[in-house]
């Protein structure tokens, strides 16, 4: 049991919500929604650890809600709670991405046991994912985590018409740093730079990752180019202010960064509407290949920053 777990209960019947509230008392922080759209808004603001979802609701029903959740939050377990005990409905729920299926009227001890099981599985899954998504040297996200987050944020930006921005960051003359000070001190430099960058990027949906070697990437959700450039300049100035000695640099006496910035507006695939409910056959990452252009432009901007003398920010 996780007393700090966040559980979202979605049901259009107040009596059903009240019953579930009594049943799950003490098992975590409970939140409530009376419809699919409201549930999606709550999840977007603060993703829960588990969702208990009624199947039959007016407007956006549980099946459409579950499919939408699978697109943006595939790691959140969803348990259907419904008065229908039909096998076809259970299969439909599982095909929509549900982790479990509970019929009404509920049996409180059984519900508590299943919720406890799913919370434990979620905690174990989160731990394993965190280990597999972390760069062991710097402690920030790795390339794999960046790729997965990009798929989620790209899809969300498509539906909500939000821009995405990307910073590509390179430590200036880092090969010379390693040659002069040695790899152990070089590793310490990488860790200090990563920690400083991560300390400046703390919004939900944003991600700092080690892209490879001495290069870092920052993915910024719902961010325009000028906003991303402002953040990039803060990052550049912060690293310079650390005054990490760099005797092998031709740019200056301390470690500095060159940063390339790009922004894009992901578009929905032709024929898909942002307000339409997804279907089971809908791809999870349509158009994601277009993100290559975002990386290419950020990389070109990074190259321009280096060509202009390093220790600067350039937009692409």
Protein backbone atom coordinates (compact mmCIF):
# COMPACT_ATOMS: atom_id res chain seq x y z
CA UNK A 1 0.00 0.00 0.00
CA UNK A 2 1.19 3.51 -0.86
CA UNK A 3 -0.37 6.16 1.41
CA UNK A 4 1.08 8.86 -0.85
CA UNK A 5 -0.33 7.29 -4.03
CA UNK A 6 -2.67 9.39 -6.19
CA UNK A 7 -5.88 7.68 -7.27
CA UNK A 8 -8.36 9.20 -9.72
CA UNK A 9 -11.99 7.98 -9.57
CA UNK A 10 -14.06 8.71 -12.68
CA UNK A 11 -17.82 8.12 -12.52
CA UNK A 12 -20.88 10.15 -13.44
CA UNK A 13 -22.87 8.78 -10.47
CA UNK A 14 -22.26 10.68 -7.19
CA UNK A 15 -23.36 7.64 -5.16
CA UNK A 16 -20.77 5.47 -6.93
CA UNK A 17 -18.03 8.01 -6.20
CA UNK A 18 -19.11 8.15 -2.56
CA UNK A 19 -18.99 4.37 -2.26
CA UNK A 20 -15.53 4.22 -3.84
CA UNK A 21 -14.34 7.02 -1.57
CA UNK A 22 -15.33 5.02 1.52
CA UNK A 23 -13.83 1.85 0.10
CA UNK A 24 -10.44 3.39 -0.66
CA UNK A 25 -10.12 5.56 2.45
CA UNK A 26 -6.52 5.56 3.65
CA UNK A 27 -5.09 4.07 0.47
CA UNK A 28 -3.87 7.33 -1.00
CA UNK A 29 -4.83 10.79 -2.18
CA UNK A 30 -8.21 10.51 -3.90
CA UNK A 31 -9.33 12.76 -6.74
CA UNK A 32 -12.64 12.70 -8.60
CA UNK A 33 -14.06 13.39 -12.05
CA UNK A 34 -17.62 12.95 -13.35
CA UNK A 35 -16.76 12.59 -17.04
CA UNK A 36 -14.08 11.65 -19.52
CA UNK A 37 -13.07 15.17 -20.55
CA UNK A 38 -12.78 16.29 -16.95
CA UNK A 39 -10.68 13.21 -16.19
CA UNK A 40 -8.28 13.97 -19.04
CA UNK A 41 -7.88 17.54 -17.80
CA UNK A 42 -7.09 16.34 -14.28
CA UNK A 43 -4.56 13.80 -15.54
CA UNK A 44 -2.89 16.49 -17.65
CA UNK A 45 -2.50 18.75 -14.61
CA UNK A 46 -1.19 16.00 -12.31
CA UNK A 47 -0.92 12.39 -13.52
CA UNK A 48 -2.21 9.90 -10.92
CA UNK A 49 -0.77 6.49 -10.08
CA UNK A 50 -4.04 4.68 -10.79
CA UNK A 51 -7.37 5.45 -12.46
CA UNK A 52 -10.70 3.78 -11.61
CA UNK A 53 -12.93 4.41 -14.61
CA UNK A 54 -16.65 3.92 -15.15
CA UNK A 55 -17.44 2.48 -18.58
CA UNK A 56 -20.87 4.00 -19.22
CA UNK A 57 -20.82 7.80 -19.01
CA UNK A 58 -22.59 10.43 -21.13
CA UNK A 59 -20.49 12.22 -23.72
CA UNK A 60 -17.03 10.68 -23.69
CA UNK A 61 -17.51 7.19 -22.30
CA UNK A 62 -14.96 5.10 -20.43
CA UNK A 63 -13.69 3.27 -23.52
CA UNK A 64 -12.90 6.48 -25.43
CA UNK A 65 -11.37 7.96 -22.29
CA UNK A 66 -9.14 4.93 -21.82
CA UNK A 67 -7.99 5.07 -25.44
CA UNK A 68 -7.12 8.76 -25.05
CA UNK A 69 -5.22 8.00 -21.84
CA UNK A 70 -3.24 5.28 -23.59
CA UNK A 71 -1.97 7.78 -26.15
CA UNK A 72 -0.50 10.23 -23.65
CA UNK A 73 -0.18 8.23 -20.43
CA UNK A 74 0.35 4.55 -21.32
CA UNK A 75 2.12 3.90 -18.02
CA UNK A 76 -0.88 4.78 -15.81
CA UNK A 77 -2.92 1.66 -15.02
CA UNK A 78 -6.66 1.97 -15.67
CA UNK A 79 -9.19 -0.25 -13.89
CA UNK A 80 -12.70 -0.30 -15.33
CA UNK A 81 -15.55 -0.30 -12.80
CA UNK A 82 -18.91 -0.98 -14.44
CA UNK A 83 -22.33 -2.47 -13.83
CA UNK A 84 -21.97 -4.57 -16.96
CA UNK A 85 -20.58 -8.03 -16.43
CA UNK A 86 -20.73 -8.96 -20.08
CA UNK A 87 -17.61 -10.68 -21.41
CA UNK A 88 -17.74 -8.55 -24.56
CA UNK A 89 -17.53 -5.37 -22.47
CA UNK A 90 -14.61 -6.77 -20.49
CA UNK A 91 -12.78 -7.65 -23.71
CA UNK A 92 -13.53 -4.18 -25.09
CA UNK A 93 -12.08 -2.59 -21.95
CA UNK A 94 -8.92 -4.69 -22.12
CA UNK A 95 -8.50 -3.90 -25.82
CA UNK A 96 -8.80 -0.19 -24.97
CA UNK A 97 -5.80 -0.59 -22.66
CA UNK A 98 -7.38 -1.35 -19.27
CA UNK A 99 -5.33 -3.25 -16.70
CA UNK A 100 -8.31 -4.76 -14.89
CA UNK A 101 -12.10 -4.96 -14.84
CA UNK A 102 -14.35 -4.76 -11.75
CA UNK A 103 -18.13 -5.18 -11.82
CA UNK A 104 -20.72 -3.29 -9.78
CA UNK A 105 -22.00 -3.56 -7.15
CA UNK A 106 -18.45 -3.58 -5.86
CA UNK A 107 -17.09 -5.81 -3.11
CA UNK A 108 -15.00 -3.37 -0.99
CA UNK A 109 -12.37 -5.89 0.26
CA UNK A 110 -11.85 -7.16 -3.30
CA UNK A 111 -11.56 -3.60 -4.65
CA UNK A 112 -9.02 -2.68 -1.96
CA UNK A 113 -6.98 -5.79 -2.72
CA UNK A 114 -6.93 -5.12 -6.45
CA UNK A 115 -6.13 -1.43 -6.02
CA UNK A 116 -3.29 -2.34 -3.65
CA UNK A 117 -1.94 -4.84 -6.18
CA UNK A 118 -2.01 -2.34 -9.05
CA UNK A 119 -0.35 0.37 -6.95
CA UNK A 120 2.46 -2.03 -6.02
CA UNK A 121 2.94 -3.02 -9.65
CA UNK A 122 2.97 0.64 -10.68
CA UNK A 123 5.61 1.47 -8.05
CA UNK A 124 7.80 -1.42 -9.22
CA UNK A 125 7.34 -0.41 -12.85
CA UNK A 126 8.21 3.21 -12.08
CA UNK A 127 11.38 2.13 -10.27
CA UNK A 128 12.54 -0.05 -13.16
CA UNK A 129 11.68 2.64 -15.70
CA UNK A 130 13.53 5.26 -13.70
CA UNK A 131 16.63 3.06 -13.58
CA UNK A 132 16.48 2.31 -17.30
CA UNK A 133 15.82 5.95 -18.22
CA UNK A 134 18.63 7.53 -16.17
CA UNK A 135 22.12 8.34 -17.31
CA UNK A 136 24.32 6.66 -14.68
CA UNK A 137 26.99 9.37 -14.69
CA UNK A 138 24.90 12.54 -14.46
CA UNK A 139 21.66 11.21 -12.96
CA UNK A 140 19.52 13.02 -15.54
CA UNK A 141 17.42 11.37 -18.24
CA UNK A 142 19.13 9.40 -21.00
CA UNK A 143 18.52 9.28 -24.75
CA UNK A 144 15.92 6.53 -24.39
CA UNK A 145 13.88 8.63 -21.96
CA UNK A 146 14.10 11.59 -24.32
CA UNK A 147 12.81 9.54 -27.26
CA UNK A 148 9.84 8.25 -25.25
CA UNK A 149 8.95 11.67 -23.84
CA UNK A 150 9.15 13.17 -27.32
CA UNK A 151 6.47 10.77 -28.58
CA UNK A 152 4.14 11.74 -25.73
CA UNK A 153 4.70 15.48 -25.94
CA UNK A 154 4.53 15.49 -29.75
CA UNK A 155 1.13 13.78 -29.71
CA UNK A 156 -0.16 16.11 -26.98
CA UNK A 157 1.06 19.16 -28.89
CA UNK A 158 -0.71 17.93 -32.02
CA UNK A 159 -4.09 17.73 -30.34
CA UNK A 160 -3.86 20.91 -28.28
CA UNK A 161 -2.01 23.05 -30.85
CA UNK A 162 0.87 23.67 -28.46
CA UNK A 163 4.39 24.41 -29.72
CA UNK A 164 7.40 22.31 -28.77
CA UNK A 165 10.89 23.72 -28.36
CA UNK A 166 14.26 22.00 -28.16
CA UNK A 167 17.65 23.10 -26.85
CA UNK A 168 20.77 21.31 -28.05
CA UNK A 169 23.65 22.07 -25.67
CA UNK A 170 27.34 21.34 -26.07
CA UNK A 171 30.20 21.92 -23.61
CA UNK A 172 32.79 23.98 -25.44
CA UNK A 173 36.17 22.29 -26.08
CA UNK A 174 35.34 19.34 -23.86
CA UNK A 175 37.85 17.02 -25.53
CA UNK A 176 40.54 19.47 -24.55
CA UNK A 177 39.15 19.51 -21.01
CA UNK A 178 39.43 15.73 -20.76
CA UNK A 179 42.91 15.70 -22.27
CA UNK A 180 44.12 18.39 -19.85
CA UNK A 181 42.42 17.39 -16.59
CA UNK A 182 41.74 13.67 -17.13
CA UNK A 183 38.53 11.70 -17.51
CA UNK A 184 37.70 11.52 -13.80
CA UNK A 185 37.60 15.30 -13.53
CA UNK A 186 35.85 15.37 -16.90
CA UNK A 187 33.10 13.17 -15.49
CA UNK A 188 32.77 15.50 -12.52
CA UNK A 189 32.44 18.44 -14.91
CA UNK A 190 29.67 16.68 -16.84
CA UNK A 191 27.80 15.94 -13.61
CA UNK A 192 28.06 19.55 -12.39
CA UNK A 193 26.85 20.95 -15.70
CA UNK A 194 23.94 18.46 -15.84
CA UNK A 195 22.90 19.32 -12.29
CA UNK A 196 22.94 23.04 -13.04
CA UNK A 197 20.88 22.66 -16.22
CA UNK A 198 18.33 20.39 -14.50
CA UNK A 199 17.98 22.94 -11.70
CA UNK A 200 16.75 25.52 -14.21
CA UNK A 201 14.25 23.25 -15.99
CA UNK A 202 11.51 22.17 -13.60
CA UNK A 203 8.12 22.46 -15.34
CA UNK A 204 5.97 19.36 -15.81
CA UNK A 205 6.37 18.13 -19.37
CA UNK A 206 9.93 19.49 -19.77
CA UNK A 207 12.89 17.14 -19.83
CA UNK A 208 16.67 17.47 -19.54
CA UNK A 209 18.59 14.57 -21.04
CA UNK A 210 22.16 13.62 -21.78
CA UNK A 211 22.13 13.30 -25.54
CA UNK A 212 25.57 11.78 -25.84
CA UNK A 213 29.13 12.55 -24.74
CA UNK A 214 29.29 16.20 -23.69
CA UNK A 215 25.99 17.07 -25.39
CA UNK A 216 22.66 17.65 -23.65
CA UNK A 217 19.10 18.14 -24.91
CA UNK A 218 16.23 20.01 -23.27
CA UNK A 219 12.71 19.30 -24.52
CA UNK A 220 10.27 22.10 -23.66
CA UNK A 221 6.52 21.56 -23.87
CA UNK A 222 4.18 24.44 -24.79
CA UNK A 223 7.11 26.79 -25.39
CA UNK A 224 7.72 29.43 -28.07
CA UNK A 225 11.12 30.14 -29.59
CA UNK A 226 11.70 33.39 -27.70
CA UNK A 227 10.85 31.68 -24.40
CA UNK A 228 13.22 28.83 -25.17
CA UNK A 229 15.97 31.30 -26.09
CA UNK A 230 15.49 33.14 -22.80
CA UNK A 231 15.88 29.89 -20.88
CA UNK A 232 18.90 28.93 -22.99
CA UNK A 233 20.59 32.22 -22.15
CA UNK A 234 19.94 31.62 -18.42
CA UNK A 235 21.50 28.17 -18.74
CA UNK A 236 24.52 29.55 -20.59
CA UNK A 237 25.06 32.32 -18.04
CA UNK A 238 24.60 29.95 -15.09
CA UNK A 239 27.28 27.55 -16.34
CA UNK A 240 29.69 30.39 -17.04
CA UNK A 241 29.05 31.70 -13.51
CA UNK A 242 30.10 28.35 -12.04
CA UNK A 243 33.61 29.32 -13.12
CA UNK A 244 34.80 25.74 -13.60
CA UNK A 245 38.44 26.21 -14.69
CA UNK A 246 39.16 25.22 -18.30
CA UNK A 247 42.80 25.93 -19.12
CA UNK A 248 42.50 24.13 -22.48
CA UNK A 249 39.70 26.33 -23.81
CA UNK A 250 40.33 28.96 -26.45
CA UNK A 251 36.95 30.53 -25.63
CA UNK A 252 37.66 31.60 -22.06
CA UNK A 253 39.23 30.57 -18.73
CA UNK A 254 36.16 28.64 -17.56
CA UNK A 255 33.78 25.98 -18.89
CA UNK A 256 31.19 27.46 -21.26
CA UNK A 257 28.28 26.22 -23.36
CA UNK A 258 27.12 26.67 -26.93
CA UNK A 259 23.36 26.26 -27.34
CA UNK A 260 21.13 25.83 -30.38
CA UNK A 261 17.38 26.48 -30.08
CA UNK A 262 14.49 25.46 -32.35
CA UNK A 263 10.70 25.44 -32.12
CA UNK A 264 7.97 23.67 -34.08
CA UNK A 265 4.19 23.28 -34.11
CA UNK A 266 3.32 19.58 -34.53
CA UNK A 267 0.32 19.16 -36.83
CA UNK A 268 -2.31 16.45 -36.69
CA UNK A 269 -2.27 13.82 -39.43
CA UNK A 270 -4.55 14.68 -42.34
CA UNK A 271 -8.19 13.90 -41.58
CA UNK A 272 -7.80 13.68 -37.81
CA UNK A 273 -9.60 16.22 -35.65
CA UNK A 274 -8.18 17.39 -32.31
CA UNK A 275 -11.53 16.90 -30.58
CA UNK A 276 -12.32 13.48 -32.01
CA UNK A 277 -12.15 10.46 -29.74
CA UNK A 278 -9.29 8.15 -30.70
CA UNK A 279 -9.95 4.65 -31.96
CA UNK A 280 -8.21 1.41 -31.18
CA UNK A 281 -6.67 1.45 -34.63
CA UNK A 282 -5.26 4.97 -34.31
CA UNK A 283 -1.45 5.04 -34.25
CA UNK A 284 0.14 6.35 -31.07
CA UNK A 285 2.75 8.51 -32.77
CA UNK A 286 1.53 9.67 -36.20
CA UNK A 287 3.85 12.23 -37.72
CA UNK A 288 6.53 11.66 -35.10
CA UNK A 289 9.08 11.24 -37.88
CA UNK A 290 8.67 14.96 -38.49
CA UNK A 291 10.40 15.58 -35.16
CA UNK A 292 13.66 14.91 -36.99
CA UNK A 293 13.32 18.39 -38.47
CA UNK A 294 13.14 19.88 -34.97
CA UNK A 295 16.37 18.14 -33.97
CA UNK A 296 18.05 19.05 -37.26
CA UNK A 297 17.23 22.75 -36.87
CA UNK A 298 18.36 22.80 -33.23
CA UNK A 299 21.57 21.06 -34.26
CA UNK A 300 22.14 23.56 -37.07
CA UNK A 301 21.59 26.40 -34.61
CA UNK A 302 24.13 24.78 -32.27
CA UNK A 303 26.63 24.64 -35.13
CA UNK A 304 25.96 28.33 -35.84
CA UNK A 305 26.65 29.16 -32.18
CA UNK A 306 29.99 27.37 -32.39
CA UNK A 307 30.90 29.03 -35.66
CA UNK A 308 30.12 32.45 -34.18
CA UNK A 309 32.68 31.93 -31.41
CA UNK A 310 31.00 29.59 -28.88
CA UNK A 311 29.69 30.50 -25.44
CA UNK A 312 26.48 31.80 -26.98
CA UNK A 313 22.88 30.96 -27.95
CA UNK A 314 21.56 30.78 -31.48
CA UNK A 315 18.00 30.16 -32.67
CA UNK A 316 17.12 28.07 -35.68
